[in-house]
Amino acid sequence: MKSISKQILSLIVSLVLILTAIYGVNVQVNAATVDYAYGEGRYIKNWGIREQTATFLSQNAESFYSKNNTSYSQLAALDGGSNVNDIPSSALYKELQNLMKKNHTFVTDYGYTRYKFQYTDCQNSGKTSNKISSFYSGKEIGPNWDSGKTWNREHVWPNSKGEGDGENDIMMLRPTATSENGARSNKAYGTNGFYDPNMESGGKHDLRGDVARIALYQYVRWGQMRLFGTSGVIESQEVLIEWMEADPVDTWELGRNDSVESITGTRNVFVDYPELAFILFDEQVPANYTTPSGNAKNGVTAQPTPDNNQNNTQNNTQSSTQNNTQTTNPSTSNCKHTTAYNVEPEEPRCDIEGYTAGKYCPNCKKYISGREMIEPTGHTYAADCDNDCDVCGSEREISADVEHVFGEDNVCTICGIKNNVDTNNEMTNTTEPKSNSIVWWFVGGGVTVVVISAVLLVIFRKKIWPESIETKE
């Protein structure tokens, strides 16, 4: 027979494991079939977990490439560029840009994004909290907008770096605690004298790959060229490639890609297939690189070029043609709008305007039809005593003498205020505590007590149960 102390200790440890399995939040996502949760009907909540390496593509990711008749092997067979000047004219760059652009059916504006971070950047996979995860530190912020007092929107690609058309793209905008946003300012990311994206989390979260993949998205999707150097977004091509490899895609990043797609219609290809970043820059894909698709380990990389001289001539010709086109900047009055694309309507919110559908021309940098503003709808309250908007949840100030509707349990059926009678037989209002909060408080306290007890038993087991009282076989 084992000692009594060991039996009790074993029982406690087992109980801790059971409680952790039942109430634990960070349950490993390890299957390609993701259980999507939705908000406002169609917006996917970020289902992933920070720092949990993604080793599969979600079903929405696979569906995206399938409906576009595109596969990784097709993309990887295209040529990238040997330097920054000829990359934009490469076949791979153009194909990726076209893929992300033609699916970008809804272009977000700056004000609109603050209402959608509760889906794209939700804390704890959106299962147990409606809080937002601050991009750099991971601390809980929001979700209600407080006019930038405690959190705001970080431009991963700053306005001052020539952001242009993509400055309001929710793929690039990230919710960030105000102090963290100010610490970064508009500095380029990097290692020596540049901004370290891991600084605010103290090493808890690795964001090097995240910012590299966001920068690549802006570079290709929106044609933003100021990518490298002190006047760019990241220190150098070497740092970008190094960070891509050192910080693989995690499930939280992949889950955000699913969420953004449910809002805008498009995805960041470099999150789904980070291998393509290496091919785009004419680099060898690391054989031991862990990616969602697993194509790096499977050896599916770019095909060898049959005729380097021919390709170099072609690239130089294309690059020269593109540079001449960019230099000749026709006035908007002469624009043929050949690259214009449709933009879906935006529904108005309580305190933010909406817009009708329109057609946007990236050459003119303006809407050529539609896109008329719709006035905000205003807040909607169930009754005078309810201080939470039924639509956005924002609070309002209400007077103390509002008329409540009390049920038989003396709890207001509208706002949850409870009527209590004090010692002077005067009616006073108190807030009815939420049962869920009480349950979780007891569960959390119970788990804490059990864990502490287990630790104390391990440390003082001999004093509590001396060997003399142990039973032996």
Protein backbone atom coordinates (compact mmCIF):
# COMPACT_ATOMS: atom_id res chain seq x y z
CA MET A 1 0.00 0.00 0.00
CA LYS A 2 1.14 3.54 -0.69
CA SER A 3 1.35 6.08 2.09
CA ILE A 4 -1.80 7.98 3.02
CA SER A 5 -0.16 11.25 2.04
CA LYS A 6 0.65 10.00 -1.44
CA GLN A 7 -2.90 8.76 -1.95
CA ILE A 8 -4.39 12.10 -0.94
CA LEU A 9 -1.86 14.00 -3.03
CA SER A 10 -2.65 11.85 -6.06
CA LEU A 11 -6.38 12.50 -5.57
CA ILE A 12 -5.84 16.28 -5.40
CA VAL A 13 -3.63 16.34 -8.48
CA SER A 14 -6.26 14.35 -10.39
CA LEU A 15 -8.94 16.82 -9.29
CA VAL A 16 -6.83 19.75 -10.49
CA LEU A 17 -6.36 18.11 -13.89
CA ILE A 18 -10.12 17.48 -14.21
CA LEU A 19 -10.98 21.07 -13.30
CA THR A 20 -8.36 22.39 -15.71
CA ALA A 21 -9.77 20.26 -18.51
CA ILE A 22 -13.30 21.49 -17.82
CA TYR A 23 -12.66 25.17 -17.24
CA GLY A 24 -9.39 25.77 -19.06
CA VAL A 25 -9.48 28.46 -21.75
CA ASN A 26 -6.44 27.78 -23.89
CA VAL A 27 -7.56 24.47 -25.32
CA GLN A 28 -5.23 23.42 -28.12
CA VAL A 29 -6.64 23.79 -31.61
CA ASN A 30 -5.24 20.87 -33.52
CA ALA A 31 -7.73 20.00 -36.22
CA ALA A 32 -8.29 21.49 -39.65
CA THR A 33 -12.04 21.72 -38.98
CA VAL A 34 -12.48 24.89 -36.93
CA ASP A 35 -15.63 25.47 -34.89
CA TYR A 36 -16.41 29.01 -36.01
CA ALA A 37 -18.26 31.42 -33.73
CA TYR A 38 -20.07 34.37 -35.29
CA GLY A 39 -21.05 37.89 -34.26
CA GLU A 40 -23.68 40.10 -35.88
CA GLY A 41 -24.69 37.15 -38.04
CA ARG A 42 -21.76 36.79 -40.42
CA TYR A 43 -18.59 38.11 -38.78
CA ILE A 44 -16.26 35.31 -37.67
CA LYS A 45 -14.66 35.63 -34.24
CA ASN A 46 -10.94 34.99 -34.07
CA TRP A 47 -10.77 31.35 -32.97
CA GLY A 48 -6.99 31.07 -32.57
CA ILE A 49 -4.57 31.25 -29.65
CA ARG A 50 -1.48 33.41 -29.48
CA GLU A 51 1.85 31.57 -29.78
CA GLN A 52 0.18 28.30 -30.78
CA THR A 53 1.92 27.45 -34.04
CA ALA A 54 -0.49 26.86 -36.93
CA THR A 55 0.12 23.47 -38.53
CA PHE A 56 -3.00 23.36 -40.71
CA LEU A 57 -5.07 25.58 -42.96
CA SER A 58 -8.59 26.39 -41.77
CA GLN A 59 -11.51 25.33 -43.92
CA ASN A 60 -12.19 28.96 -44.85
CA ALA A 61 -8.61 29.37 -46.04
CA GLU A 62 -8.82 26.28 -48.20
CA SER A 63 -12.19 27.42 -49.55
CA PHE A 64 -10.75 30.83 -50.50
CA TYR A 65 -8.09 29.35 -52.79
CA SER A 66 -10.41 26.68 -54.10
CA LYS A 67 -13.07 29.16 -55.26
CA ASN A 68 -10.32 31.21 -56.92
CA ASN A 69 -8.99 28.13 -58.73
CA THR A 70 -5.58 28.77 -57.18
CA SER A 71 -3.23 26.40 -55.39
CA TYR A 72 0.07 26.79 -53.60
CA SER A 73 1.92 24.79 -56.25
CA GLN A 74 0.63 27.14 -58.96
CA LEU A 75 1.72 30.22 -57.04
CA ALA A 76 5.08 28.76 -56.02
CA ALA A 77 5.91 28.01 -59.63
CA LEU A 78 5.83 31.73 -60.50
CA ASP A 79 9.00 33.83 -60.47
CA GLY A 80 9.69 36.44 -57.83
CA GLY A 81 12.32 39.17 -58.12
CA SER A 82 15.99 39.41 -57.31
CA ASN A 83 15.78 42.92 -55.85
CA VAL A 84 13.25 45.46 -54.62
CA ASN A 85 13.16 47.24 -57.98
CA ASP A 86 12.07 44.28 -60.07
CA ILE A 87 9.86 42.46 -57.53
CA PRO A 88 6.73 44.54 -58.35
CA SER A 89 7.04 43.52 -62.00
CA SER A 90 7.46 39.82 -61.22
CA ALA A 91 4.82 37.25 -62.12
CA LEU A 92 4.34 36.18 -58.49
CA TYR A 93 3.85 39.75 -57.22
CA LYS A 94 1.24 40.49 -59.89
CA GLU A 95 -0.64 37.25 -59.33
CA LEU A 96 -0.77 37.73 -55.54
CA GLN A 97 -1.86 41.34 -55.91
CA ASN A 98 -4.62 40.37 -58.31
CA LEU A 99 -5.79 37.54 -56.02
CA MET A 100 -6.04 39.73 -52.91
CA LYS A 101 -7.45 42.73 -54.78
CA LYS A 102 -10.24 41.07 -56.76
CA ASN A 103 -11.60 39.44 -53.58
CA HIS A 104 -11.43 42.70 -51.62
CA THR A 105 -15.13 43.46 -52.03
CA PHE A 106 -15.51 45.72 -48.98
CA VAL A 107 -12.93 48.40 -48.17
CA THR A 108 -13.17 49.47 -44.52
CA ASP A 109 -12.84 53.05 -43.38
CA TYR A 110 -10.99 54.21 -40.28
CA GLY A 111 -14.03 54.80 -38.07
CA TYR A 112 -15.69 51.53 -39.02
CA THR A 113 -12.77 49.37 -37.88
CA ARG A 114 -13.13 50.14 -34.18
CA TYR A 115 -16.41 48.20 -34.13
CA LYS A 116 -14.95 45.11 -35.77
CA PHE A 117 -11.87 44.54 -33.61
CA GLN A 118 -14.11 42.69 -31.16
CA TYR A 119 -14.18 39.95 -33.81
CA THR A 120 -10.78 40.16 -35.49
CA ASP A 121 -8.74 40.66 -32.31
CA CYS A 122 -10.93 39.19 -29.58
CA GLN A 123 -9.25 38.00 -26.41
CA ASN A 124 -9.16 34.32 -25.39
CA SER A 125 -10.46 33.16 -28.77
CA GLY A 126 -13.72 35.01 -28.18
CA LYS A 127 -15.13 32.12 -26.14
CA THR A 128 -15.03 33.43 -22.58
CA SER A 129 -14.48 37.16 -22.99
CA ASN A 130 -15.68 39.97 -25.21
CA LYS A 131 -12.47 41.90 -24.57
CA ILE A 132 -9.99 42.86 -27.30
CA SER A 133 -6.34 41.78 -27.19
CA SER A 134 -3.92 44.71 -27.52
CA PHE A 135 -1.64 43.99 -30.47
CA TYR A 136 1.74 44.48 -28.82
CA SER A 137 1.22 43.42 -25.20
CA GLY A 138 -1.86 41.18 -25.33
CA LYS A 139 -3.48 43.07 -22.44
CA GLU A 140 -7.27 43.27 -22.40
CA ILE A 141 -8.77 46.45 -23.83
CA GLY A 142 -12.21 47.56 -25.03
CA PRO A 143 -14.37 46.35 -26.56
CA ASN A 144 -16.39 49.58 -26.26
CA TRP A 145 -14.76 52.56 -27.95
CA ASP A 146 -13.71 55.27 -25.48
CA SER A 147 -12.52 57.87 -27.99
CA GLY A 148 -8.91 56.71 -27.72
CA LYS A 149 -8.55 57.26 -23.98
CA THR A 150 -7.31 53.75 -23.21
CA TRP A 151 -6.95 52.21 -26.66
CA ASN A 152 -6.71 53.28 -30.27
CA ARG A 153 -5.79 51.99 -33.71
CA GLU A 154 -2.18 51.26 -34.61
CA HIS A 155 -1.08 51.70 -38.21
CA VAL A 156 1.38 48.85 -38.65
CA TRP A 157 2.23 50.67 -41.88
CA PRO A 158 2.26 54.32 -40.68
CA ASN A 159 0.56 57.11 -42.58
CA SER A 160 3.87 58.92 -42.91
CA LYS A 161 5.37 56.00 -44.85
CA GLY A 162 3.18 56.60 -47.90
CA GLU A 163 0.26 54.39 -46.93
CA GLY A 164 -2.19 55.91 -49.39
CA ASP A 165 -5.15 53.76 -50.37
CA GLY A 166 -4.52 51.11 -47.74
CA GLU A 167 -4.47 53.39 -44.70
CA ASN A 168 -7.88 52.22 -43.45
CA ASP A 169 -7.53 48.52 -44.23
CA ILE A 170 -8.49 46.53 -41.13
CA MET A 171 -5.95 43.87 -42.16
CA MET A 172 -3.21 46.35 -41.28
CA LEU A 173 -4.91 48.37 -38.51
CA ARG A 174 -4.56 46.77 -35.08
CA PRO A 175 -6.17 47.71 -31.71
CA THR A 176 -3.49 48.83 -29.30
CA ALA A 177 -3.31 50.29 -25.80
CA THR A 178 -2.68 54.02 -26.15
CA SER A 179 0.65 53.95 -24.33
CA GLU A 180 1.97 51.20 -26.61
CA ASN A 181 0.94 53.04 -29.74
CA GLY A 182 2.76 56.15 -28.54
CA ALA A 183 5.91 54.20 -27.73
CA ARG A 184 6.22 52.95 -31.31
CA SER A 185 5.31 56.28 -32.98
CA ASN A 186 6.14 55.80 -36.69
CA LYS A 187 9.49 54.06 -36.24
CA ALA A 188 10.40 51.26 -38.60
CA TYR A 189 10.55 47.76 -37.10
CA GLY A 190 13.97 46.24 -36.66
CA THR A 191 16.83 45.31 -34.35
CA ASN A 192 19.40 48.11 -34.14
CA GLY A 193 17.94 51.52 -33.36
CA PHE A 194 14.57 50.45 -34.77
CA TYR A 195 11.37 49.44 -32.96
CA ASP A 196 11.17 45.99 -31.40
CA PRO A 197 7.56 44.73 -31.68
CA ASN A 198 8.14 42.36 -28.74
CA MET A 199 9.08 45.15 -26.32
CA GLU A 200 5.65 45.80 -24.79
CA SER A 201 4.89 42.15 -24.03
CA GLY A 202 8.25 41.56 -22.37
CA GLY A 203 8.85 38.53 -24.56
CA LYS A 204 5.45 36.99 -23.79
CA HIS A 205 4.37 37.36 -27.42
CA ASP A 206 6.54 37.13 -30.52
CA LEU A 207 5.24 39.58 -33.12
CA ARG A 208 8.23 39.67 -35.46
CA GLY A 209 6.62 37.42 -38.03
CA ASP A 210 3.24 39.11 -37.57
CA VAL A 211 4.51 42.57 -38.51
CA ALA A 212 6.58 41.17 -41.39
CA ARG A 213 3.53 39.44 -42.88
CA ILE A 214 1.34 42.54 -42.43
CA ALA A 215 4.01 44.68 -44.12
CA LEU A 216 4.16 42.22 -47.02
CA TYR A 217 0.39 42.38 -47.37
CA GLN A 218 0.49 46.19 -47.69
CA TYR A 219 3.49 45.96 -50.01
CA VAL A 220 1.68 43.67 -52.45
CA ARG A 221 -2.06 44.33 -51.99
CA TRP A 222 -1.79 48.13 -52.00
CA GLY A 223 1.51 48.52 -53.86
CA GLN A 224 3.24 50.32 -51.00
CA MET A 225 6.91 50.52 -51.98
CA ARG A 226 8.56 52.13 -48.93
CA LEU A 227 9.17 48.78 -47.29
CA PHE A 228 12.80 48.87 -46.12
CA GLY A 229 15.14 51.27 -44.30
CA THR A 230 14.71 54.11 -41.83
CA SER A 231 12.09 55.76 -44.05
CA GLY A 232 10.31 52.44 -44.58
CA VAL A 233 8.41 50.01 -42.36
CA ILE A 234 11.04 47.37 -41.62
CA GLU A 235 14.81 47.57 -41.27
CA SER A 236 15.87 45.45 -44.24
CA GLN A 237 15.02 42.49 -46.43
CA GLU A 238 17.36 40.36 -44.33
CA VAL A 239 15.45 41.23 -41.14
CA LEU A 240 12.09 40.59 -42.80
CA ILE A 241 13.13 37.12 -44.00
CA GLU A 242 14.76 36.33 -40.65
CA TRP A 243 11.62 37.34 -38.72
CA MET A 244 9.36 35.36 -41.05
CA GLU A 245 11.32 32.21 -40.25
CA ALA A 246 11.92 32.89 -36.54
CA ASP A 247 8.24 33.59 -35.77
CA PRO A 248 5.99 31.15 -37.66
CA VAL A 249 2.27 31.78 -38.13
CA ASP A 250 0.24 31.02 -35.00
CA THR A 251 -3.42 30.02 -34.89
CA TRP A 252 -4.42 33.48 -33.61
CA GLU A 253 -2.95 35.00 -36.77
CA LEU A 254 -4.72 32.42 -38.93
CA GLY A 255 -7.98 32.96 -37.02
CA ARG A 256 -7.69 36.70 -37.61
CA ASN A 257 -7.26 36.05 -41.33
CA ASP A 258 -10.56 34.14 -41.29
CA SER A 259 -12.23 36.97 -39.38
CA VAL A 260 -10.97 39.73 -41.69
CA GLU A 261 -12.09 37.72 -44.72
CA SER A 262 -15.63 37.58 -43.29
CA ILE A 263 -15.58 41.41 -43.21
CA THR A 264 -13.67 42.43 -46.35
CA GLY A 265 -13.75 39.33 -48.54
CA THR A 266 -9.98 39.02 -48.90
CA ARG A 267 -7.10 37.38 -47.02
CA ASN A 268 -3.42 37.95 -46.33
CA VAL A 269 -1.84 35.29 -48.54
CA PHE A 270 1.42 35.50 -46.55
CA VAL A 271 -0.36 34.23 -43.43
CA ASP A 272 -1.79 31.19 -45.21
CA TYR A 273 1.34 30.55 -47.29
CA PRO A 274 4.34 32.31 -45.67
CA GLU A 275 6.55 30.24 -47.97
CA LEU A 276 5.61 32.63 -50.78
CA ALA A 277 7.48 35.48 -49.08
CA PHE A 278 10.77 33.65 -49.60
CA ILE A 279 9.95 32.89 -53.24
CA LEU A 280 8.89 36.50 -53.86
CA PHE A 281 12.34 37.68 -52.73
CA ASP A 282 14.14 34.91 -54.59
CA GLU A 283 15.15 33.18 -51.35
CA GLN A 284 15.23 29.47 -50.62
CA VAL A 285 12.29 28.31 -48.49
CA PRO A 286 13.76 26.77 -45.28
CA ALA A 287 13.21 23.00 -45.33
CA ASN A 288 12.42 22.93 -41.59
CA TYR A 289 10.03 25.91 -41.73
CA THR A 290 6.71 25.18 -39.98
CA THR A 291 3.80 26.62 -41.95
CA PRO A 292 0.00 26.14 -41.93
CA SER A 293 0.08 24.26 -45.23
CA GLY A 294 3.21 22.24 -44.48
CA ASN A 295 4.47 22.85 -48.00
CA ALA A 296 7.93 23.93 -46.86
CA LYS A 297 8.55 20.57 -45.18
CA ASN A 298 7.00 18.75 -48.10
CA GLY A 299 9.57 20.30 -50.39
CA VAL A 300 7.02 22.10 -52.58
CA THR A 301 8.90 25.27 -53.51
CA ALA A 302 9.48 27.40 -56.58
CA GLN A 303 10.42 25.61 -59.79
CA PRO A 304 13.89 26.21 -61.27
CA THR A 305 14.09 28.90 -63.92
CA PRO A 306 14.80 27.37 -67.38
CA ASP A 307 16.42 30.43 -68.90
CA ASN A 308 17.81 33.06 -66.56
CA ASN A 309 18.91 35.37 -69.36
CA GLN A 310 15.46 35.38 -70.92
CA ASN A 311 13.76 36.02 -67.58
CA ASN A 312 16.18 38.80 -66.68
CA THR A 313 15.49 40.48 -70.02
CA GLN A 314 11.75 40.11 -69.50
CA ASN A 315 11.91 41.42 -65.94
CA ASN A 316 14.01 44.41 -66.95
CA THR A 317 11.60 45.24 -69.77
CA GLN A 318 8.60 44.93 -67.45
CA SER A 319 10.31 46.96 -64.74
CA SER A 320 11.20 49.69 -67.22
CA THR A 321 7.65 49.78 -68.54
CA GLN A 322 6.21 49.97 -65.02
CA ASN A 323 8.59 52.75 -63.97
CA ASN A 324 7.67 54.78 -67.05
CA THR A 325 3.99 54.25 -66.29
CA GLN A 326 4.43 55.33 -62.68
CA THR A 327 6.42 58.40 -63.71
CA THR A 328 3.69 59.47 -66.11
CA ASN A 329 0.91 60.32 -63.68
CA PRO A 330 -2.09 61.37 -65.78
CA SER A 331 -4.64 63.73 -64.31
CA THR A 332 -7.83 62.20 -63.02
CA SER A 333 -9.78 63.91 -65.79
CA ASN A 334 -8.00 61.75 -68.38
CA CYS A 335 -8.26 58.53 -66.39
CA LYS A 336 -10.12 55.69 -68.12
CA HIS A 337 -10.90 54.01 -64.78
CA THR A 338 -9.79 50.66 -66.17
CA THR A 339 -8.78 49.38 -62.74
CA ALA A 340 -11.88 50.59 -60.88
CA TYR A 341 -13.60 48.05 -58.65
CA ASN A 342 -16.89 47.82 -56.77
CA VAL A 343 -17.09 48.60 -53.08
CA GLU A 344 -19.94 47.17 -51.03
CA PRO A 345 -22.19 49.44 -48.95
CA GLU A 346 -21.50 50.11 -45.28
CA GLU A 347 -24.40 50.04 -42.88
CA PRO A 348 -24.63 53.10 -40.61
CA ARG A 349 -24.01 52.58 -36.91
CA CYS A 350 -25.35 54.33 -33.85
CA ASP A 351 -22.76 57.10 -33.91
CA ILE A 352 -20.98 56.54 -37.21
CA GLU A 353 -22.17 57.22 -40.71
CA GLY A 354 -22.68 54.57 -43.39
CA TYR A 355 -22.24 54.64 -47.14
CA THR A 356 -24.04 53.35 -50.19
CA ALA A 357 -22.29 51.04 -52.66
CA GLY A 358 -19.83 52.68 -54.99
CA LYS A 359 -17.07 52.18 -57.51
CA TYR A 360 -13.52 53.17 -56.55
CA CYS A 361 -10.67 53.94 -58.95
CA PRO A 362 -7.21 53.47 -57.39
CA ASN A 363 -5.62 55.55 -60.18
CA CYS A 364 -7.83 58.56 -59.48
CA LYS A 365 -7.81 57.73 -55.77
CA LYS A 366 -11.51 58.54 -55.56
CA TYR A 367 -14.98 57.04 -55.90
CA ILE A 368 -16.25 57.54 -59.43
CA SER A 369 -19.86 56.60 -58.65
CA GLY A 370 -22.10 55.99 -55.67
CA ARG A 371 -20.60 56.08 -52.16
CA GLU A 372 -23.13 58.48 -50.70
CA MET A 373 -23.09 59.05 -46.95
CA ILE A 374 -25.90 57.72 -44.74
CA GLU A 375 -26.48 59.49 -41.45
CA PRO A 376 -25.82 57.58 -38.19
CA THR A 377 -28.88 55.80 -36.83
CA GLY A 378 -28.53 57.02 -33.24
CA HIS A 379 -28.61 54.81 -30.15
CA THR A 380 -31.55 52.55 -29.35
CA TYR A 381 -32.62 51.92 -25.77
CA ALA A 382 -35.23 49.40 -24.63
CA ALA A 383 -36.77 51.77 -22.07
CA ASP A 384 -35.97 54.85 -20.03
CA CYS A 385 -34.33 52.82 -17.30
CA ASP A 386 -32.00 50.91 -19.64
CA ASN A 387 -28.64 52.65 -20.01
CA ASP A 388 -27.14 50.18 -22.52
CA CYS A 389 -27.71 50.71 -26.23
CA ASP A 390 -29.39 47.62 -27.72
CA VAL A 391 -27.20 47.88 -30.83
CA CYS A 392 -23.66 48.87 -29.79
CA GLY A 393 -23.81 48.43 -26.00
CA SER A 394 -22.53 51.92 -25.19
CA GLU A 395 -23.73 53.36 -21.91
CA ARG A 396 -25.62 56.57 -21.30
CA GLU A 397 -26.19 58.61 -18.18
CA ILE A 398 -29.68 58.20 -16.73
CA SER A 399 -31.39 59.99 -13.89
CA ALA A 400 -32.03 58.29 -10.55
CA ASP A 401 -35.81 58.73 -10.75
CA VAL A 402 -36.40 56.73 -13.94
CA GLU A 403 -39.34 54.37 -13.95
CA HIS A 404 -38.39 50.70 -13.62
CA VAL A 405 -40.57 47.68 -14.38
CA PHE A 406 -40.21 45.27 -11.45
CA GLY A 407 -41.28 41.66 -11.55
CA GLU A 408 -42.37 39.43 -8.69
CA ASP A 409 -38.74 38.94 -7.64
CA ASN A 410 -38.32 42.73 -7.28
CA VAL A 411 -35.85 42.77 -10.20
CA CYS A 412 -36.39 45.20 -13.06
CA THR A 413 -37.25 43.20 -16.16
CA ILE A 414 -35.50 45.77 -18.38
CA CYS A 415 -32.21 46.79 -16.75
CA GLY A 416 -31.71 44.20 -13.96
CA ILE A 417 -31.87 46.66 -11.05
CA LYS A 418 -33.13 45.03 -7.85
CA ASN A 419 -35.48 46.71 -5.41
CA ASN A 420 -34.38 46.30 -1.79
CA VAL A 421 -36.03 47.59 1.38
CA ASP A 422 -33.55 49.13 3.85
CA THR A 423 -33.93 49.38 7.63
CA ASN A 424 -35.96 52.58 7.27
CA ASN A 425 -38.43 50.76 4.99
CA GLU A 426 -37.30 52.99 2.09
CA MET A 427 -36.86 51.49 -1.36
CA THR A 428 -33.28 51.47 -2.65
CA ASN A 429 -31.96 50.22 -5.97
CA THR A 430 -29.01 47.87 -6.29
CA THR A 431 -27.65 46.03 -9.26
CA GLU A 432 -28.51 42.36 -9.45
CA PRO A 433 -25.24 40.41 -9.68
CA LYS A 434 -24.88 38.18 -12.69
CA SER A 435 -25.08 34.48 -11.83
CA ASN A 436 -22.36 33.63 -14.33
CA SER A 437 -19.91 35.93 -12.58
CA ILE A 438 -20.63 34.28 -9.23
CA VAL A 439 -20.20 30.79 -10.66
CA TRP A 440 -16.88 31.64 -12.27
CA TRP A 441 -15.74 33.37 -9.07
CA PHE A 442 -16.37 30.20 -7.06
CA VAL A 443 -14.80 28.00 -9.72
CA GLY A 444 -11.71 30.19 -9.90
CA GLY A 445 -11.44 30.34 -6.12
CA GLY A 446 -11.92 26.59 -5.82
CA VAL A 447 -9.20 25.82 -8.35
CA THR A 448 -6.84 28.23 -6.59
CA VAL A 449 -7.45 26.59 -3.21
CA VAL A 450 -6.93 23.12 -4.64
CA VAL A 451 -3.67 24.09 -6.34
CA ILE A 452 -2.27 25.79 -3.22
CA SER A 453 -3.27 22.82 -1.07
CA ALA A 454 -1.53 20.44 -3.44
CA VAL A 455 1.67 22.48 -3.33
CA LEU A 456 1.62 22.65 0.49
CA LEU A 457 1.06 18.89 0.74
CA VAL A 458 4.07 18.25 -1.46
CA ILE A 459 6.28 20.54 0.63
CA PHE A 460 5.10 19.53 4.13
CA ARG A 461 3.88 15.97 3.51
CA LYS A 462 6.36 14.40 5.93
CA LYS A 463 5.37 16.76 8.75
CA ILE A 464 1.66 16.22 8.14
CA TRP A 465 1.87 12.44 7.70
CA PRO A 466 5.07 11.09 9.29
CA GLU A 467 6.36 7.79 7.95
CA SER A 468 5.38 6.11 11.25
CA ILE A 469 1.68 6.30 10.38
CA GLU A 470 2.09 4.99 6.84
CA THR A 471 0.46 1.67 6.15
CA LYS A 472 2.50 -0.99 4.47
CA GLU A 473 1.60 -4.06 2.52
